[in-house]
PDB file of N, CA and C in Angstrom:
ATOM      1  N   MET A   1     -17.410  60.443   1.388  1.00  0.00           N
ATOM      2  CA  MET A   1     -17.777  59.776   2.706  1.00  0.00           C
ATOM      3  C   MET A   1     -18.532  58.635   1.550  1.00  0.00           C
ATOM      4  N   LEU A   2     -17.675  56.710   2.153  1.00  0.00           N
ATOM      5  CA  LEU A   2     -17.942  56.177   1.710  1.00  0.00           C
ATOM      6  C   LEU A   2     -18.100  54.815   2.666  1.00  0.00           C
ATOM      7  N   PHE A   3     -19.440  53.800   1.761  1.00  0.00           N
ATOM      8  CA  PHE A   3     -19.922  53.206   2.542  1.00  0.00           C
ATOM      9  C   PHE A   3     -19.553  52.623   2.613  1.00  0.00           C
ATOM     10  N   LEU A   4     -19.259  51.218   3.142  1.00  0.00           N
ATOM     11  CA  LEU A   4     -19.586  50.201   2.335  1.00  0.00           C
ATOM     12  C   LEU A   4     -19.997  49.346   2.146  1.00  0.00           C
ATOM     13  N   LEU A   5     -20.092  48.781   1.933  1.00  0.00           N
ATOM     14  CA  LEU A   5     -22.160  48.052   2.304  1.00  0.00           C
ATOM     15  C   LEU A   5     -21.514  46.918   1.317  1.00  0.00           C
ATOM     16  N   ASN A   6     -22.602  45.744   1.871  1.00  0.00           N
ATOM     17  CA  ASN A   6     -22.363  44.608   1.106  1.00  0.00           C
ATOM     18  C   ASN A   6     -24.263  44.606   0.322  1.00  0.00           C
ATOM     19  N   ARG A   7     -23.649  44.030  -0.528  1.00  0.00           N
ATOM     20  CA  ARG A   7     -24.628  43.664  -1.693  1.00  0.00           C
ATOM     21  C   ARG A   7     -26.001  43.316  -1.367  1.00  0.00           C
ATOM     22  N   GLU A   8     -26.083  42.435  -0.293  1.00  0.00           N
ATOM     23  CA  GLU A   8     -27.837  42.192  -0.048  1.00  0.00           C
ATOM     24  C   GLU A   8     -28.467  43.478   0.936  1.00  0.00           C
ATOM     25  N   GLU A   9     -27.628  44.422   1.430  1.00  0.00           N
ATOM     26  CA  GLU A   9     -27.534  45.689   2.277  1.00  0.00           C
ATOM     27  C   GLU A   9     -28.821  46.053   1.391  1.00  0.00           C
ATOM     28  N   THR A  10     -30.291  46.892   2.044  1.00  0.00           N
ATOM     29  CA  THR A  10     -30.275  48.006   1.296  1.00  0.00           C
ATOM     30  C   THR A  10     -30.604  49.401   2.775  1.00  0.00           C
ATOM     31  N   LEU A  11     -29.639  50.164   2.043  1.00  0.00           N
ATOM     32  CA  LEU A  11     -29.474  51.749   2.062  1.00  0.00           C
ATOM     33  C   LEU A  11     -29.989  52.169   3.483  1.00  0.00           C
ATOM     34  N   ASP A  12     -31.604  52.069   3.652  1.00  0.00           N
ATOM     35  CA  ASP A  12     -32.934  52.237   4.357  1.00  0.00           C
ATOM     36  C   ASP A  12     -32.848  51.415   5.852  1.00  0.00           C
ATOM     37  N   GLU A  13     -31.183  50.549   6.023  1.00  0.00           N
ATOM     38  CA  GLU A  13     -31.582  49.323   6.236  1.00  0.00           C
ATOM     39  C   GLU A  13     -30.340  48.877   7.236  1.00  0.00           C
ATOM     40  N   VAL A  14     -29.635  49.667   6.870  1.00  0.00           N
ATOM     41  CA  VAL A  14     -28.647  49.638   7.219  1.00  0.00           C
ATOM     42  C   VAL A  14     -27.933  49.341   8.842  1.00  0.00           C
ATOM     43  N   CYS A  15     -26.764  48.917   8.788  1.00  0.00           N
ATOM     44  CA  CYS A  15     -27.200  48.606  11.391  1.00  0.00           C
ATOM     45  C   CYS A  15     -25.583  47.844  11.239  1.00  0.00           C
ATOM     46  N   ASN A  16     -24.699  47.669  10.665  1.00  0.00           N
ATOM     47  CA  ASN A  16     -22.964  47.626  11.044  1.00  0.00           C
ATOM     48  C   ASN A  16     -22.146  47.725   9.939  1.00  0.00           C
ATOM     49  N   VAL A  17     -21.661  48.751   9.544  1.00  0.00           N
ATOM     50  CA  VAL A  17     -21.411  49.163   7.966  1.00  0.00           C
ATOM     51  C   VAL A  17     -20.518  49.794   8.907  1.00  0.00           C
ATOM     52  N   ASP A  18     -19.210  49.805   7.860  1.00  0.00           N
ATOM     53  CA  ASP A  18     -17.388  50.628   7.974  1.00  0.00           C
ATOM     54  C   ASP A  18     -17.678  51.764   7.078  1.00  0.00           C
ATOM     55  N   VAL A  19     -17.563  52.957   6.982  1.00  0.00           N
ATOM     56  CA  VAL A  19     -17.442  54.020   6.189  1.00  0.00           C
ATOM     57  C   VAL A  19     -16.403  54.684   6.432  1.00  0.00           C
ATOM     58  N   GLU A  20     -15.733  55.353   5.411  1.00  0.00           N
ATOM     59  CA  GLU A  20     -14.388  55.986   5.312  1.00  0.00           C
ATOM     60  C   GLU A  20     -14.409  57.731   5.368  1.00  0.00           C
ATOM     61  N   VAL A  21     -13.744  58.917   5.463  1.00  0.00           N
ATOM     62  CA  VAL A  21     -14.045  60.219   5.192  1.00  0.00           C
ATOM     63  C   VAL A  21     -12.861  60.827   4.948  1.00  0.00           C
ATOM     64  N   ARG A  22     -13.107  60.521   4.206  1.00  0.00           N
ATOM     65  CA  ARG A  22     -11.886  61.974   3.618  1.00  0.00           C
ATOM     66  C   ARG A  22     -11.775  63.392   3.515  1.00  0.00           C
ATOM     67  N   LEU A  23     -11.417  64.298   4.824  1.00  0.00           N
ATOM     68  CA  LEU A  23     -11.225  65.939   4.569  1.00  0.00           C
ATOM     69  C   LEU A  23     -10.497  66.157   3.468  1.00  0.00           C
ATOM     70  N   PRO A  24     -10.876  67.339   3.105  1.00  0.00           N
ATOM     71  CA  PRO A  24     -10.703  68.679   2.494  1.00  0.00           C
ATOM     72  C   PRO A  24      -8.151  68.357   2.640  1.00  0.00           C
ATOM     73  N   ASP A  25      -7.979  68.621   3.502  1.00  0.00           N
ATOM     74  CA  ASP A  25      -6.923  68.222   4.472  1.00  0.00           C
ATOM     75  C   ASP A  25      -5.962  66.669   3.476  1.00  0.00           C
ATOM     76  N   GLY A  26      -6.926  65.666   2.570  1.00  0.00           N
ATOM     77  CA  GLY A  26      -6.231  64.585   2.079  1.00  0.00           C
ATOM     78  C   GLY A  26      -6.560  63.837   3.469  1.00  0.00           C
ATOM     79  N   SER A  27      -6.525  63.594   4.551  1.00  0.00           N
ATOM     80  CA  SER A  27      -6.096  63.105   5.799  1.00  0.00           C
ATOM     81  C   SER A  27      -7.814  61.640   5.743  1.00  0.00           C
ATOM     82  N   ARG A  28      -7.435  60.301   6.356  1.00  0.00           N
ATOM     83  CA  ARG A  28      -8.736  59.704   5.365  1.00  0.00           C
ATOM     84  C   ARG A  28      -9.398  59.053   6.948  1.00  0.00           C
ATOM     85  N   TRP A  29     -10.190  59.033   6.886  1.00  0.00           N
ATOM     86  CA  TRP A  29     -10.940  58.663   8.835  1.00  0.00           C
ATOM     87  C   TRP A  29     -11.603  57.561   8.697  1.00  0.00           C
ATOM     88  N   SER A  30     -11.636  57.395   9.372  1.00  0.00           N
ATOM     89  CA  SER A  30     -13.021  55.828   9.258  1.00  0.00           C
ATOM     90  C   SER A  30     -13.486  55.499  10.785  1.00  0.00           C
ATOM     91  N   ALA A  31     -14.518  54.285   9.838  1.00  0.00           N
ATOM     92  CA  ALA A  31     -15.090  53.705  11.322  1.00  0.00           C
ATOM     93  C   ALA A  31     -16.636  52.528  10.923  1.00  0.00           C
ATOM     94  N   THR A  32     -16.218  51.787  11.795  1.00  0.00           N
ATOM     95  CA  THR A  32     -17.886  51.417  12.118  1.00  0.00           C
ATOM     96  C   THR A  32     -18.082  51.620  12.579  1.00  0.00           C
ATOM     97  N   ILE A  33     -18.933  51.478  12.212  1.00  0.00           N
ATOM     98  CA  ILE A  33     -21.619  52.349  12.534  1.00  0.00           C
ATOM     99  C   ILE A  33     -21.882  51.127  12.241  1.00  0.00           C
ATOM    100  N   PHE A  34     -22.699  50.773  14.269  1.00  0.00           N
ATOM    101  CA  PHE A  34     -23.209  49.896  14.816  1.00  0.00           C
ATOM    102  C   PHE A  34     -25.098  50.620  15.013  1.00  0.00           C
ATOM    103  N   THR A  35     -26.192  50.096  14.874  1.00  0.00           N
ATOM    104  CA  THR A  35     -27.060  51.113  15.824  1.00  0.00           C
ATOM    105  C   THR A  35     -27.054  50.767  17.413  1.00  0.00           C
ATOM    106  N   VAL A  36     -27.406  50.414  17.457  1.00  0.00           N
ATOM    107  CA  VAL A  36     -28.288  50.556  18.797  1.00  0.00           C
ATOM    108  C   VAL A  36     -28.344  48.627  18.889  1.00  0.00           C
ATOM    109  N   ALA A  37     -28.921  48.379  18.267  1.00  0.00           N
ATOM    110  CA  ALA A  37     -30.133  46.763  17.889  1.00  0.00           C
ATOM    111  C   ALA A  37     -29.150  45.911  17.421  1.00  0.00           C
ATOM    112  N   GLU A  38     -28.347  46.730  16.580  1.00  0.00           N
ATOM    113  CA  GLU A  38     -27.291  45.857  16.247  1.00  0.00           C
ATOM    114  C   GLU A  38     -25.908  45.009  17.314  1.00  0.00           C
ATOM    115  N   VAL A  39     -25.750  46.148  18.109  1.00  0.00           N
ATOM    116  CA  VAL A  39     -24.993  45.551  18.892  1.00  0.00           C
ATOM    117  C   VAL A  39     -25.922  44.837  20.170  1.00  0.00           C
ATOM    118  N   GLU A  40     -26.650  45.047  20.739  1.00  0.00           N
ATOM    119  CA  GLU A  40     -27.727  44.441  21.378  1.00  0.00           C
ATOM    120  C   GLU A  40     -27.563  43.212  20.743  1.00  0.00           C
ATOM    121  N   ARG A  41     -28.161  42.937  19.243  1.00  0.00           N
ATOM    122  CA  ARG A  41     -28.188  41.642  18.143  1.00  0.00           C
ATOM    123  C   ARG A  41     -26.904  40.995  18.805  1.00  0.00           C
ATOM    124  N   LEU A  42     -26.084  41.170  18.550  1.00  0.00           N
ATOM    125  CA  LEU A  42     -24.703  40.457  17.763  1.00  0.00           C
ATOM    126  C   LEU A  42     -24.385  39.196  19.727  1.00  0.00           C
ATOM    127  N   MET A  43     -25.083  40.673  20.774  1.00  0.00           N
ATOM    128  CA  MET A  43     -24.777  40.049  22.085  1.00  0.00           C
ATOM    129  C   MET A  43     -24.928  39.668  22.883  1.00  0.00           C
ATOM    130  N   ALA A  44     -26.270  38.921  22.018  1.00  0.00           N
ATOM    131  CA  ALA A  44     -27.393  38.429  21.786  1.00  0.00           C
ATOM    132  C   ALA A  44     -27.349  37.095  21.594  1.00  0.00           C
ATOM    133  N   ARG A  45     -25.858  37.448  19.771  1.00  0.00           N
ATOM    134  CA  ARG A  45     -26.227  36.194  19.945  1.00  0.00           C
ATOM    135  C   ARG A  45     -24.620  35.506  20.772  1.00  0.00           C
ATOM    136  N   TRP A  46     -23.407  36.162  20.845  1.00  0.00           N
ATOM    137  CA  TRP A  46     -22.633  35.774  21.622  1.00  0.00           C
ATOM    138  C   TRP A  46     -23.006  35.067  22.682  1.00  0.00           C
ATOM    139  N   SER A  47     -23.901  35.660  23.063  1.00  0.00           N
ATOM    140  CA  SER A  47     -24.444  35.232  24.398  1.00  0.00           C
ATOM    141  C   SER A  47     -23.792  33.176  24.487  1.00  0.00           C
ATOM    142  N   SER A  48     -24.615  32.706  23.031  1.00  0.00           N
ATOM    143  CA  SER A  48     -25.230  31.570  23.246  1.00  0.00           C
ATOM    144  C   SER A  48     -23.480  30.768  22.025  1.00  0.00           C
ATOM    145  N   THR A  49     -22.690  31.854  21.714  1.00  0.00           N
ATOM    146  CA  THR A  49     -21.681  31.279  21.017  1.00  0.00           C
ATOM    147  C   THR A  49     -20.182  31.475  22.141  1.00  0.00           C
ATOM    148  N   GLY A  50     -20.110  32.516  23.225  1.00  0.00           N
ATOM    149  CA  GLY A  50     -18.995  31.949  24.172  1.00  0.00           C
ATOM    150  C   GLY A  50     -18.352  33.352  23.571  1.00  0.00           C
ATOM    151  N   GLU A  51     -18.068  34.364  22.856  1.00  0.00           N
ATOM    152  CA  GLU A  51     -17.725  35.589  22.380  1.00  0.00           C
ATOM    153  C   GLU A  51     -17.837  36.732  23.401  1.00  0.00           C
ATOM    154  N   ALA A  52     -17.011  37.034  23.203  1.00  0.00           N
ATOM    155  CA  ALA A  52     -17.132  38.415  24.470  1.00  0.00           C
ATOM    156  C   ALA A  52     -17.333  38.072  25.100  1.00  0.00           C
ATOM    157  N   LEU A  53     -16.779  36.525  26.369  1.00  0.00           N
ATOM    158  CA  LEU A  53     -17.156  36.297  27.592  1.00  0.00           C
ATOM    159  C   LEU A  53     -18.956  36.000  27.355  1.00  0.00           C
ATOM    160  N   ASN A  54     -19.161  35.317  26.868  1.00  0.00           N
ATOM    161  CA  ASN A  54     -20.713  35.063  26.269  1.00  0.00           C
ATOM    162  C   ASN A  54     -21.914  36.200  26.257  1.00  0.00           C
ATOM    163  N   GLY A  55     -20.966  37.017  25.314  1.00  0.00           N
ATOM    164  CA  GLY A  55     -22.098  38.146  25.213  1.00  0.00           C
ATOM    165  C   GLY A  55     -22.211  39.656  26.698  1.00  0.00           C
ATOM    166  N   ARG A  56     -21.646  40.000  27.140  1.00  0.00           N
ATOM    167  CA  ARG A  56     -21.271  40.260  28.572  1.00  0.00           C
ATOM    168  C   ARG A  56     -20.941  41.255  27.698  1.00  0.00           C
ATOM    169  N   TYR A  57     -19.346  41.551  27.090  1.00  0.00           N
ATOM    170  CA  TYR A  57     -19.715  42.624  26.393  1.00  0.00           C
ATOM    171  C   TYR A  57     -19.237  43.605  25.723  1.00  0.00           C
ATOM    172  N   PHE A  58     -19.164  44.563  24.377  1.00  0.00           N
ATOM    173  CA  PHE A  58     -19.439  45.094  23.645  1.00  0.00           C
ATOM    174  C   PHE A  58     -17.678  45.578  23.181  1.00  0.00           C
ATOM    175  N   ARG A  59     -16.619  45.946  22.156  1.00  0.00           N
ATOM    176  CA  ARG A  59     -16.074  46.098  21.434  1.00  0.00           C
ATOM    177  C   ARG A  59     -15.137  46.384  20.690  1.00  0.00           C
ATOM    178  N   CYS A  60     -15.763  47.418  20.037  1.00  0.00           N
ATOM    179  CA  CYS A  60     -15.311  48.446  18.519  1.00  0.00           C
ATOM    180  C   CYS A  60     -14.156  48.731  18.268  1.00  0.00           C
ATOM    181  N   SER A  61     -12.631  48.980  18.394  1.00  0.00           N
ATOM    182  CA  SER A  61     -11.200  49.820  18.599  1.00  0.00           C
ATOM    183  C   SER A  61     -12.480  50.933  17.568  1.00  0.00           C
ATOM    184  N   ASP A  62     -12.916  51.075  17.151  1.00  0.00           N
ATOM    185  CA  ASP A  62     -12.736  52.307  15.713  1.00  0.00           C
ATOM    186  C   ASP A  62     -15.257  52.292  15.833  1.00  0.00           C
ATOM    187  N   GLY A  63     -16.032  51.894  16.559  1.00  0.00           N
ATOM    188  CA  GLY A  63     -17.027  51.306  16.741  1.00  0.00           C
ATOM    189  C   GLY A  63     -17.575  53.240  16.191  1.00  0.00           C
ATOM    190  N   LEU A  64     -18.649  53.483  16.706  1.00  0.00           N
ATOM    191  CA  LEU A  64     -19.688  54.558  16.714  1.00  0.00           C
ATOM    192  C   LEU A  64     -20.997  53.889  16.774  1.00  0.00           C
ATOM    193  N   ILE A  65     -21.076  54.383  17.582  1.00  0.00           N
ATOM    194  CA  ILE A  65     -22.645  53.438  17.411  1.00  0.00           C
ATOM    195  C   ILE A  65     -24.131  55.153  17.439  1.00  0.00           C
ATOM    196  N   VAL A  66     -24.594  54.681  16.580  1.00  0.00           N
ATOM    197  CA  VAL A  66     -25.882  55.768  16.279  1.00  0.00           C
ATOM    198  C   VAL A  66     -28.433  55.034  16.102  1.00  0.00           C
ATOM    199  N   LYS A  67     -28.466  55.788  17.244  1.00  0.00           N
ATOM    200  CA  LYS A  67     -30.120  55.455  16.635  1.00  0.00           C
ATOM    201  C   LYS A  67     -30.800  54.775  15.948  1.00  0.00           C
ATOM    202  N   GLU A  68     -30.138  55.218  14.768  1.00  0.00           N
ATOM    203  CA  GLU A  68     -30.970  54.919  13.903  1.00  0.00           C
ATOM    204  C   GLU A  68     -30.315  53.753  12.604  1.00  0.00           C
ATOM    205  N   PRO A  69     -31.467  53.186  11.405  1.00  0.00           N
ATOM    206  CA  PRO A  69     -30.282  52.253  11.307  1.00  0.00           C
ATOM    207  C   PRO A  69     -30.313  53.573   9.221  1.00  0.00           C
ATOM    208  N   GLY A  70     -29.727  53.370   8.560  1.00  0.00           N
ATOM    209  CA  GLY A  70     -29.991  53.291   6.846  1.00  0.00           C
ATOM    210  C   GLY A  70     -28.686  54.787   7.623  1.00  0.00           C
ATOM    211  N   VAL A  71     -27.901  54.440   5.962  1.00  0.00           N
ATOM    212  CA  VAL A  71     -27.513  55.561   5.397  1.00  0.00           C
ATOM    213  C   VAL A  71     -27.446  57.107   5.695  1.00  0.00           C
ATOM    214  N   MET A  72     -28.765  56.971   5.175  1.00  0.00           N
ATOM    215  CA  MET A  72     -29.307  58.703   5.814  1.00  0.00           C
ATOM    216  C   MET A  72     -29.096  59.426   6.497  1.00  0.00           C
ATOM    217  N   PRO A  73     -28.963  58.896   7.907  1.00  0.00           N
ATOM    218  CA  PRO A  73     -28.681  58.338   9.528  1.00  0.00           C
ATOM    219  C   PRO A  73     -27.464  58.482  10.174  1.00  0.00           C
ATOM    220  N   MET A  74     -27.360  57.621   9.729  1.00  0.00           N
ATOM    221  CA  MET A  74     -25.234  57.924   9.159  1.00  0.00           C
ATOM    222  C   MET A  74     -24.746  58.645   9.338  1.00  0.00           C
ATOM    223  N   ALA A  75     -25.112  59.609   7.763  1.00  0.00           N
ATOM    224  CA  ALA A  75     -24.658  60.551   6.896  1.00  0.00           C
ATOM    225  C   ALA A  75     -24.430  61.518   7.658  1.00  0.00           C
ATOM    226  N   GLU A  76     -25.822  62.297   8.541  1.00  0.00           N
ATOM    227  CA  GLU A  76     -26.063  63.468   8.919  1.00  0.00           C
ATOM    228  C   GLU A  76     -25.608  62.383  10.353  1.00  0.00           C
ATOM    229  N   VAL A  77     -24.729  62.081  10.826  1.00  0.00           N
ATOM    230  CA  VAL A  77     -24.073  61.893  11.798  1.00  0.00           C
ATOM    231  C   VAL A  77     -22.393  62.195  11.643  1.00  0.00           C
ATOM    232  N   ILE A  78     -21.935  62.109  10.957  1.00  0.00           N
ATOM    233  CA  ILE A  78     -20.888  62.601   9.785  1.00  0.00           C
ATOM    234  C   ILE A  78     -20.962  63.526  10.013  1.00  0.00           C
ATOM    235  N   VAL A  79     -21.610  63.721   9.138  1.00  0.00           N
ATOM    236  CA  VAL A  79     -22.166  65.625   8.745  1.00  0.00           C
ATOM    237  C   VAL A  79     -22.225  66.297   9.753  1.00  0.00           C
ATOM    238  N   GLY A  80     -22.823  66.483  11.159  1.00  0.00           N
ATOM    239  CA  GLY A  80     -22.873  66.426  12.402  1.00  0.00           C
ATOM    240  C   GLY A  80     -21.650  66.273  13.605  1.00  0.00           C
ATOM    241  N   LEU A  81     -20.737  65.518  13.155  1.00  0.00           N
ATOM    242  CA  LEU A  81     -19.442  65.674  13.855  1.00  0.00           C
ATOM    243  C   LEU A  81     -18.427  65.754  12.882  1.00  0.00           C
ATOM    244  N   LEU A  82     -18.964  66.648  11.802  1.00  0.00           N
ATOM    245  CA  LEU A  82     -17.712  67.370  11.100  1.00  0.00           C
ATOM    246  C   LEU A  82     -17.569  68.809  11.061  1.00  0.00           C
ATOM    247  N   ASP A  83     -19.736  69.134  11.168  1.00  0.00           N
ATOM    248  CA  ASP A  83     -19.625  70.182  11.418  1.00  0.00           C
ATOM    249  C   ASP A  83     -19.558  70.965  13.151  1.00  0.00           C
ATOM    250  N   SER A  84     -19.697  69.575  14.465  1.00  0.00           N
ATOM    251  CA  SER A  84     -18.753  70.446  15.567  1.00  0.00           C
ATOM    252  C   SER A  84     -17.679  69.841  15.188  1.00  0.00           C
ATOM    253  N   GLY A  85     -17.209  69.359  13.928  1.00  0.00           N
ATOM    254  CA  GLY A  85     -15.573  70.052  14.950  1.00  0.00           C
ATOM    255  C   GLY A  85     -14.954  68.254  15.397  1.00  0.00           C
ATOM    256  N   ASP A  86     -16.357  66.770  15.830  1.00  0.00           N
ATOM    257  CA  ASP A  86     -15.471  66.571  16.571  1.00  0.00           C
ATOM    258  C   ASP A  86     -14.975  65.574  16.162  1.00  0.00           C
ATOM    259  N   LEU A  87     -15.415  65.145  15.089  1.00  0.00           N
ATOM    260  CA  LEU A  87     -14.935  63.721  13.274  1.00  0.00           C
ATOM    261  C   LEU A  87     -13.391  63.874  13.816  1.00  0.00           C
ATOM    262  N   GLN A  88     -12.459  63.602  14.429  1.00  0.00           N
ATOM    263  CA  GLN A  88     -11.679  63.477  15.027  1.00  0.00           C
ATOM    264  C   GLN A  88     -11.025  63.367  15.680  1.00  0.00           C
ATOM    265  N   GLN A  89     -12.064  63.172  16.476  1.00  0.00           N
ATOM    266  CA  GLN A  89     -11.928  62.819  18.241  1.00  0.00           C
ATOM    267  C   GLN A  89     -12.831  61.483  18.212  1.00  0.00           C
ATOM    268  N   VAL A  90     -14.003  61.021  17.038  1.00  0.00           N
ATOM    269  CA  VAL A  90     -14.653  60.540  17.071  1.00  0.00           C
ATOM    270  C   VAL A  90     -14.462  59.154  16.044  1.00  0.00           C
ATOM    271  N   LEU A  91     -13.836  59.578  15.600  1.00  0.00           N
ATOM    272  CA  LEU A  91     -13.273  58.574  14.012  1.00  0.00           C
ATOM    273  C   LEU A  91     -12.142  58.521  14.375  1.00  0.00           C
ATOM    274  N   GLN A  92     -11.462  56.623  14.078  1.00  0.00           N
ATOM    275  CA  GLN A  92     -10.322  56.151  13.251  1.00  0.00           C
ATOM    276  C   GLN A  92      -9.200  57.320  12.015  1.00  0.00           C
ATOM    277  N   ARG A  93      -7.757  58.185  12.294  1.00  0.00           N
ATOM    278  CA  ARG A  93      -7.217  57.999  11.798  1.00  0.00           C
ATOM    279  C   ARG A  93      -6.381  56.944  10.447  1.00  0.00           C
ATOM    280  N   LEU A  94      -6.823  56.749   9.741  1.00  0.00           N
ATOM    281  CA  LEU A  94      -5.795  55.956   8.248  1.00  0.00           C
ATOM    282  C   LEU A  94      -4.629  56.451   7.962  1.00  0.00           C
ATOM    283  N   ASP A  95      -3.833  56.085   8.335  1.00  0.00           N
ATOM    284  CA  ASP A  95      -1.982  56.667   7.317  1.00  0.00           C
ATOM    285  C   ASP A  95      -1.576  56.084   7.043  1.00  0.00           C
ATOM    286  N   ASP A  96      -2.059  55.386   6.074  1.00  0.00           N
ATOM    287  CA  ASP A  96      -1.612  53.958   4.379  1.00  0.00           C
ATOM    288  C   ASP A  96      -2.334  55.282   3.285  1.00  0.00           C
ATOM    289  N   PRO A  97      -1.426  55.759   2.782  1.00  0.00           N
ATOM    290  CA  PRO A  97      -1.650  56.612   1.845  1.00  0.00           C
ATOM    291  C   PRO A  97      -2.682  55.811   0.914  1.00  0.00           C
ATOM    292  N   MET A  98      -2.941  56.056  -0.160  1.00  0.00           N
ATOM    293  CA  MET A  98      -3.705  55.158  -1.148  1.00  0.00           C
ATOM    294  C   MET A  98      -3.970  55.532  -2.601  1.00  0.00           C
TER     295      MET A  98
END
């Protein structure tokens, strides 16, 4: 599991991050993980910038929304998706080879 963090982010406060998961079969899966609070913050900002119909909706093609910030809680969600067999329905497959 690879979290693509910004340098200024602390691990326990990350609220908006791209993640890549590589499965044993070699397939790669990705998501952009947001906390509920981060989605609310973005929509509030967009209400003044005009984006997304003035913040009236939120859309992200590979978005996954979680309750808690931080890499560890987010990793626990990914592990839970793997354990339940839901990862391939929730994350987006990356087709390009590394």
